Structure formats: structure tokens, C-alpha cells
Amino acid sequence: MSRWQQIRVRIEGVYKKGWEKDFPNLYRVLTGLDNSLMNQDPPLFDLVPYLVRLSEDKDLEAGLADALHRHGPKIISLHRQITEAIGGWKLGDAEKLLYELEDNFVELEKEFA
């Protein structure tokens, strides 16, 4: 690494209608944790730490708690794998894992609707 510079790879959110409309249930719950998320279209990758924080809440609605229990471990594992792939400059692998992460977020969204 250079002394004063870095090369970075960034994941950006790309939604057809905005994440508020594409993931309305997640939007409602996660913006309740951090209202600054209302003014952005964060990539799903960046929402994983919020899911972890949410999963630590003991007063979750039952459907959400069940969905997080089912999908949370896989989402966290994928987040770690994507981070490692990007760090190792295996961007093709990272992209494949991002698709899998998206599928898990879609299932999570459906299950606690």
C-alpha cells in the first residue's frame, strides 16, 4: 500500500424504485434504528450490521425475529465472504456472492411482511 493513497472497491445500492419501495419492510424497521437511512439508497451489503444490531433486540415482532433467525446467519456469512473476496481482489467471486446476498435479503423481506 502506498504511504498516502489507497485503492478502494465500493459497493453501491442500485434499486429500480429506491430501497424504500423495493424493500418496504426492511426500510420501515431499519430506518427506525437509524433515520439517516431515509435519505439514501444504501447497498444491501451495508445494511448487514444493522440486521445484526436488530437481531440483538429482544422485543422484535415475531415474524421479524423468525425471519432473522432463519436468514441472518447466512447473510452474515455472505457479508464476511464478500469482504474477503474484495480484499483478495476476487471481484468476480464477490459479485456472485452479492447475488446470493440479494436473494437472502429478498427472502428475509418476504418472510416478515
N, C-alpha and C. Protein backbone atom coordinates (compact mmCIF):
# COMPACT_ATOMS: atom_id res chain seq x y z
N MET A 1 0.84 -1.18 0.00
CA MET A 1 0.00 0.00 0.00
C MET A 1 0.89 1.24 0.00
N SER A 2 0.45 2.21 -0.72
CA SER A 2 1.14 3.49 -0.77
C SER A 2 1.10 4.17 0.60
N ARG A 3 1.98 5.08 0.80
CA ARG A 3 2.01 5.78 2.10
C ARG A 3 0.80 6.69 2.31
N TRP A 4 0.29 7.33 1.25
CA TRP A 4 -0.79 8.29 1.41
C TRP A 4 -2.00 8.03 0.52
N GLN A 5 -2.04 6.88 -0.12
CA GLN A 5 -3.13 6.60 -1.04
C GLN A 5 -3.59 5.15 -0.89
N GLN A 6 -4.84 4.92 -1.29
CA GLN A 6 -5.38 3.57 -1.28
C GLN A 6 -6.21 3.36 -2.53
N ILE A 7 -6.28 2.13 -2.96
CA ILE A 7 -7.22 1.74 -3.99
C ILE A 7 -8.40 1.12 -3.26
N ARG A 8 -9.60 1.58 -3.58
CA ARG A 8 -10.79 1.07 -2.91
C ARG A 8 -11.79 0.55 -3.93
N VAL A 9 -12.49 -0.48 -3.54
CA VAL A 9 -13.61 -1.00 -4.30
C VAL A 9 -14.84 -0.71 -3.47
N ARG A 10 -15.86 -0.15 -4.10
CA ARG A 10 -17.05 0.26 -3.37
C ARG A 10 -18.27 -0.46 -3.94
N ILE A 11 -19.16 -0.86 -3.05
CA ILE A 11 -20.44 -1.45 -3.45
C ILE A 11 -21.48 -0.35 -3.30
N GLU A 12 -22.27 -0.15 -4.34
CA GLU A 12 -23.30 0.88 -4.31
C GLU A 12 -24.68 0.25 -4.46
N GLY A 13 -25.66 0.86 -3.84
CA GLY A 13 -27.04 0.40 -3.99
C GLY A 13 -27.61 0.85 -5.32
N VAL A 14 -28.26 -0.07 -6.01
CA VAL A 14 -28.93 0.23 -7.28
C VAL A 14 -30.32 -0.39 -7.20
N TYR A 15 -31.31 0.45 -7.00
CA TYR A 15 -32.69 -0.01 -6.86
C TYR A 15 -33.52 0.56 -8.00
N LYS A 16 -34.50 -0.20 -8.45
CA LYS A 16 -35.37 0.29 -9.52
C LYS A 16 -36.24 1.44 -9.03
N LYS A 17 -36.78 1.28 -7.82
CA LYS A 17 -37.71 2.28 -7.28
C LYS A 17 -37.17 2.97 -6.03
N GLY A 18 -36.00 2.60 -5.59
CA GLY A 18 -35.48 3.07 -4.31
C GLY A 18 -35.68 1.97 -3.28
N TRP A 19 -34.81 1.90 -2.29
CA TRP A 19 -34.91 0.77 -1.36
C TRP A 19 -36.17 0.85 -0.52
N GLU A 20 -36.73 2.06 -0.36
CA GLU A 20 -37.98 2.21 0.39
C GLU A 20 -39.11 1.41 -0.27
N LYS A 21 -39.15 1.40 -1.58
CA LYS A 21 -40.21 0.70 -2.30
C LYS A 21 -39.85 -0.76 -2.60
N ASP A 22 -38.58 -1.03 -2.86
CA ASP A 22 -38.17 -2.40 -3.17
C ASP A 22 -38.10 -3.30 -1.93
N PHE A 23 -37.82 -2.72 -0.77
CA PHE A 23 -37.73 -3.46 0.48
C PHE A 23 -38.48 -2.69 1.58
N PRO A 24 -39.80 -2.53 1.43
CA PRO A 24 -40.54 -1.67 2.36
C PRO A 24 -40.49 -2.12 3.82
N ASN A 25 -40.49 -3.41 4.07
CA ASN A 25 -40.46 -3.89 5.46
C ASN A 25 -39.10 -3.63 6.10
N LEU A 26 -38.04 -3.95 5.38
CA LEU A 26 -36.70 -3.65 5.90
C LEU A 26 -36.53 -2.15 6.08
N TYR A 27 -37.01 -1.39 5.12
CA TYR A 27 -36.91 0.07 5.21
C TYR A 27 -37.56 0.57 6.49
N ARG A 28 -38.77 0.12 6.75
CA ARG A 28 -39.52 0.56 7.94
C ARG A 28 -38.75 0.24 9.22
N VAL A 29 -38.25 -0.97 9.31
CA VAL A 29 -37.59 -1.40 10.54
C VAL A 29 -36.21 -0.76 10.69
N LEU A 30 -35.43 -0.75 9.61
CA LEU A 30 -34.05 -0.25 9.73
C LEU A 30 -33.97 1.26 9.84
N THR A 31 -34.90 1.98 9.20
CA THR A 31 -34.89 3.44 9.39
C THR A 31 -35.35 3.79 10.80
N GLY A 32 -36.05 2.88 11.46
CA GLY A 32 -36.38 3.07 12.86
C GLY A 32 -35.15 3.00 13.75
N LEU A 33 -34.15 2.24 13.30
CA LEU A 33 -32.87 2.17 14.04
C LEU A 33 -31.99 3.38 13.75
N ASP A 34 -32.01 3.82 12.50
CA ASP A 34 -31.14 4.93 12.09
C ASP A 34 -31.87 5.72 11.00
N ASN A 35 -32.44 6.85 11.38
CA ASN A 35 -33.24 7.61 10.42
C ASN A 35 -32.42 8.25 9.30
N SER A 36 -31.10 8.26 9.41
CA SER A 36 -30.29 8.79 8.30
C SER A 36 -30.39 7.87 7.07
N LEU A 37 -30.83 6.63 7.27
CA LEU A 37 -31.02 5.72 6.15
C LEU A 37 -32.18 6.14 5.25
N MET A 38 -33.02 7.04 5.73
CA MET A 38 -34.16 7.51 4.93
C MET A 38 -33.69 8.31 3.72
N ASN A 39 -32.56 8.94 3.82
CA ASN A 39 -32.10 9.87 2.78
C ASN A 39 -31.07 9.26 1.86
N GLN A 40 -31.01 7.92 1.80
CA GLN A 40 -30.01 7.28 0.96
C GLN A 40 -30.57 5.98 0.40
N ASP A 41 -29.89 5.45 -0.55
CA ASP A 41 -30.17 4.12 -1.09
C ASP A 41 -28.95 3.24 -0.83
N PRO A 42 -28.79 2.79 0.41
CA PRO A 42 -27.58 2.04 0.76
C PRO A 42 -27.58 0.66 0.09
N PRO A 43 -26.41 0.16 -0.23
CA PRO A 43 -26.36 -1.22 -0.73
C PRO A 43 -26.79 -2.17 0.38
N LEU A 44 -27.38 -3.27 -0.01
CA LEU A 44 -27.79 -4.27 0.98
C LEU A 44 -26.60 -4.70 1.82
N PHE A 45 -25.45 -4.78 1.21
CA PHE A 45 -24.21 -5.14 1.91
C PHE A 45 -24.01 -4.26 3.15
N ASP A 46 -24.27 -2.96 3.02
CA ASP A 46 -24.07 -2.03 4.13
C ASP A 46 -25.15 -2.14 5.21
N LEU A 47 -26.23 -2.83 4.90
CA LEU A 47 -27.31 -2.98 5.87
C LEU A 47 -27.10 -4.16 6.81
N VAL A 48 -26.15 -5.01 6.50
CA VAL A 48 -25.92 -6.20 7.32
C VAL A 48 -25.63 -5.84 8.79
N PRO A 49 -24.76 -4.87 9.09
CA PRO A 49 -24.54 -4.53 10.51
C PRO A 49 -25.81 -4.07 11.22
N TYR A 50 -26.72 -3.44 10.48
CA TYR A 50 -28.00 -3.04 11.08
C TYR A 50 -28.84 -4.26 11.42
N LEU A 51 -28.79 -5.28 10.56
CA LEU A 51 -29.52 -6.51 10.86
C LEU A 51 -28.96 -7.20 12.10
N VAL A 52 -27.65 -7.16 12.23
CA VAL A 52 -27.02 -7.74 13.43
C VAL A 52 -27.52 -6.99 14.66
N ARG A 53 -27.48 -5.68 14.59
CA ARG A 53 -27.95 -4.87 15.72
C ARG A 53 -29.42 -5.15 16.03
N LEU A 54 -30.22 -5.26 14.98
CA LEU A 54 -31.64 -5.55 15.14
C LEU A 54 -31.85 -6.91 15.79
N SER A 55 -31.06 -7.89 15.40
CA SER A 55 -31.22 -9.24 15.93
C SER A 55 -30.94 -9.32 17.43
N GLU A 56 -30.24 -8.34 17.96
CA GLU A 56 -29.93 -8.31 19.38
C GLU A 56 -31.08 -7.74 20.22
N ASP A 57 -32.08 -7.18 19.54
CA ASP A 57 -33.24 -6.62 20.22
C ASP A 57 -34.16 -7.76 20.66
N LYS A 58 -34.49 -7.79 21.92
CA LYS A 58 -35.31 -8.87 22.48
C LYS A 58 -36.81 -8.64 22.24
N ASP A 59 -37.21 -7.44 21.84
CA ASP A 59 -38.63 -7.12 21.68
C ASP A 59 -39.06 -7.03 20.21
N LEU A 60 -38.51 -7.88 19.37
CA LEU A 60 -38.87 -7.86 17.95
C LEU A 60 -40.23 -8.51 17.73
N GLU A 61 -40.92 -8.02 16.71
CA GLU A 61 -42.17 -8.68 16.35
C GLU A 61 -41.83 -10.12 15.91
N ALA A 62 -42.73 -11.03 16.18
CA ALA A 62 -42.45 -12.47 16.00
C ALA A 62 -42.00 -12.81 14.58
N GLY A 63 -42.69 -12.32 13.56
CA GLY A 63 -42.33 -12.64 12.18
C GLY A 63 -40.93 -12.18 11.83
N LEU A 64 -40.57 -11.02 12.30
CA LEU A 64 -39.23 -10.49 12.04
C LEU A 64 -38.18 -11.31 12.77
N ALA A 65 -38.42 -11.64 14.01
CA ALA A 65 -37.47 -12.44 14.78
C ALA A 65 -37.24 -13.79 14.11
N ASP A 66 -38.31 -14.42 13.66
CA ASP A 66 -38.19 -15.73 12.98
C ASP A 66 -37.41 -15.61 11.68
N ALA A 67 -37.72 -14.58 10.90
CA ALA A 67 -37.04 -14.38 9.61
C ALA A 67 -35.55 -14.10 9.83
N LEU A 68 -35.23 -13.29 10.83
CA LEU A 68 -33.82 -13.01 11.13
C LEU A 68 -33.10 -14.27 11.60
N HIS A 69 -33.80 -15.08 12.37
CA HIS A 69 -33.20 -16.33 12.85
C HIS A 69 -32.90 -17.27 11.68
N ARG A 70 -33.80 -17.31 10.70
CA ARG A 70 -33.61 -18.19 9.54
C ARG A 70 -32.55 -17.68 8.57
N HIS A 71 -32.57 -16.38 8.29
CA HIS A 71 -31.72 -15.84 7.23
C HIS A 71 -30.49 -15.08 7.73
N GLY A 72 -30.52 -14.63 8.96
CA GLY A 72 -29.42 -13.82 9.50
C GLY A 72 -28.06 -14.48 9.42
N PRO A 73 -27.92 -15.73 9.89
CA PRO A 73 -26.59 -16.36 9.84
C PRO A 73 -26.02 -16.45 8.42
N LYS A 74 -26.86 -16.77 7.45
CA LYS A 74 -26.39 -16.86 6.06
C LYS A 74 -25.99 -15.48 5.55
N ILE A 75 -26.79 -14.47 5.87
CA ILE A 75 -26.48 -13.10 5.42
C ILE A 75 -25.16 -12.64 6.02
N ILE A 76 -24.94 -12.92 7.29
CA ILE A 76 -23.68 -12.53 7.94
C ILE A 76 -22.51 -13.28 7.32
N SER A 77 -22.68 -14.55 7.05
CA SER A 77 -21.63 -15.34 6.42
C SER A 77 -21.29 -14.80 5.03
N LEU A 78 -22.32 -14.46 4.27
CA LEU A 78 -22.09 -13.90 2.93
C LEU A 78 -21.37 -12.55 3.02
N HIS A 79 -21.73 -11.74 3.99
CA HIS A 79 -21.08 -10.44 4.18
C HIS A 79 -19.58 -10.64 4.40
N ARG A 80 -19.24 -11.61 5.25
CA ARG A 80 -17.83 -11.91 5.53
C ARG A 80 -17.13 -12.42 4.27
N GLN A 81 -17.77 -13.31 3.54
CA GLN A 81 -17.17 -13.86 2.32
C GLN A 81 -16.96 -12.78 1.26
N ILE A 82 -17.92 -11.88 1.14
CA ILE A 82 -17.79 -10.78 0.17
C ILE A 82 -16.63 -9.87 0.56
N THR A 83 -16.53 -9.55 1.84
CA THR A 83 -15.43 -8.72 2.33
C THR A 83 -14.09 -9.37 2.01
N GLU A 84 -13.99 -10.66 2.25
CA GLU A 84 -12.75 -11.39 1.96
C GLU A 84 -12.46 -11.43 0.46
N ALA A 85 -13.48 -11.64 -0.35
CA ALA A 85 -13.28 -11.69 -1.80
C ALA A 85 -12.80 -10.34 -2.33
N ILE A 86 -13.40 -9.27 -1.85
CA ILE A 86 -12.98 -7.93 -2.28
C ILE A 86 -11.55 -7.66 -1.81
N GLY A 87 -11.25 -8.01 -0.58
CA GLY A 87 -9.90 -7.81 -0.05
C GLY A 87 -8.86 -8.59 -0.82
N GLY A 88 -9.24 -9.72 -1.36
CA GLY A 88 -8.32 -10.54 -2.15
C GLY A 88 -8.39 -10.24 -3.64
N TRP A 89 -9.09 -9.18 -4.01
CA TRP A 89 -9.26 -8.76 -5.40
C TRP A 89 -9.88 -9.85 -6.26
N LYS A 90 -10.75 -10.64 -5.65
CA LYS A 90 -11.51 -11.67 -6.38
C LYS A 90 -12.90 -11.10 -6.64
N LEU A 91 -12.94 -10.12 -7.52
CA LEU A 91 -14.16 -9.34 -7.72
C LEU A 91 -15.26 -10.15 -8.39
N GLY A 92 -14.91 -11.09 -9.25
CA GLY A 92 -15.90 -11.97 -9.86
C GLY A 92 -16.59 -12.81 -8.80
N ASP A 93 -15.81 -13.33 -7.87
CA ASP A 93 -16.37 -14.11 -6.75
C ASP A 93 -17.27 -13.22 -5.89
N ALA A 94 -16.81 -12.00 -5.63
CA ALA A 94 -17.59 -11.07 -4.81
C ALA A 94 -18.93 -10.77 -5.47
N GLU A 95 -18.93 -10.60 -6.78
CA GLU A 95 -20.18 -10.31 -7.48
C GLU A 95 -21.15 -11.48 -7.38
N LYS A 96 -20.67 -12.70 -7.52
CA LYS A 96 -21.53 -13.88 -7.38
C LYS A 96 -22.12 -13.94 -5.97
N LEU A 97 -21.30 -13.65 -4.98
CA LEU A 97 -21.76 -13.66 -3.60
C LEU A 97 -22.78 -12.54 -3.34
N LEU A 98 -22.62 -11.40 -4.02
CA LEU A 98 -23.59 -10.31 -3.88
C LEU A 98 -24.97 -10.75 -4.38
N TYR A 99 -25.00 -11.52 -5.48
CA TYR A 99 -26.28 -12.04 -5.96
C TYR A 99 -26.93 -12.92 -4.90
N GLU A 100 -26.13 -13.76 -4.27
CA GLU A 100 -26.65 -14.65 -3.23
C GLU A 100 -27.13 -13.83 -2.02
N LEU A 101 -26.39 -12.78 -1.68
CA LEU A 101 -26.81 -11.90 -0.59
C LEU A 101 -28.16 -11.27 -0.91
N GLU A 102 -28.32 -10.79 -2.15
CA GLU A 102 -29.58 -10.19 -2.57
C GLU A 102 -30.73 -11.18 -2.43
N ASP A 103 -30.51 -12.42 -2.87
CA ASP A 103 -31.56 -13.45 -2.77
C ASP A 103 -31.98 -13.65 -1.31
N ASN A 104 -31.02 -13.65 -0.41
CA ASN A 104 -31.33 -13.82 1.00
C ASN A 104 -32.08 -12.62 1.57
N PHE A 105 -31.74 -11.43 1.13
CA PHE A 105 -32.47 -10.25 1.56
C PHE A 105 -33.91 -10.27 1.04
N VAL A 106 -34.10 -10.73 -0.19
CA VAL A 106 -35.45 -10.83 -0.76
C VAL A 106 -36.28 -11.81 0.07
N GLU A 107 -35.71 -12.93 0.42
CA GLU A 107 -36.42 -13.92 1.24
C GLU A 107 -36.73 -13.35 2.63
N LEU A 108 -35.78 -12.66 3.21
CA LEU A 108 -35.99 -12.04 4.52
C LEU A 108 -37.15 -11.05 4.44
N GLU A 109 -37.14 -10.22 3.42
CA GLU A 109 -38.20 -9.22 3.22
C GLU A 109 -39.56 -9.89 3.11
N LYS A 110 -39.66 -10.95 2.33
CA LYS A 110 -40.93 -11.66 2.12
C LYS A 110 -41.45 -12.27 3.41
N GLU A 111 -40.55 -12.83 4.19
CA GLU A 111 -40.97 -13.60 5.36
C GLU A 111 -41.49 -12.78 6.51
N PHE A 112 -41.09 -11.53 6.61
CA PHE A 112 -41.63 -10.78 7.74
C PHE A 112 -42.59 -9.69 7.27
N ALA A 113 -43.13 -9.91 6.08
CA ALA A 113 -44.15 -8.98 5.55
C ALA A 113 -45.44 -9.05 6.33
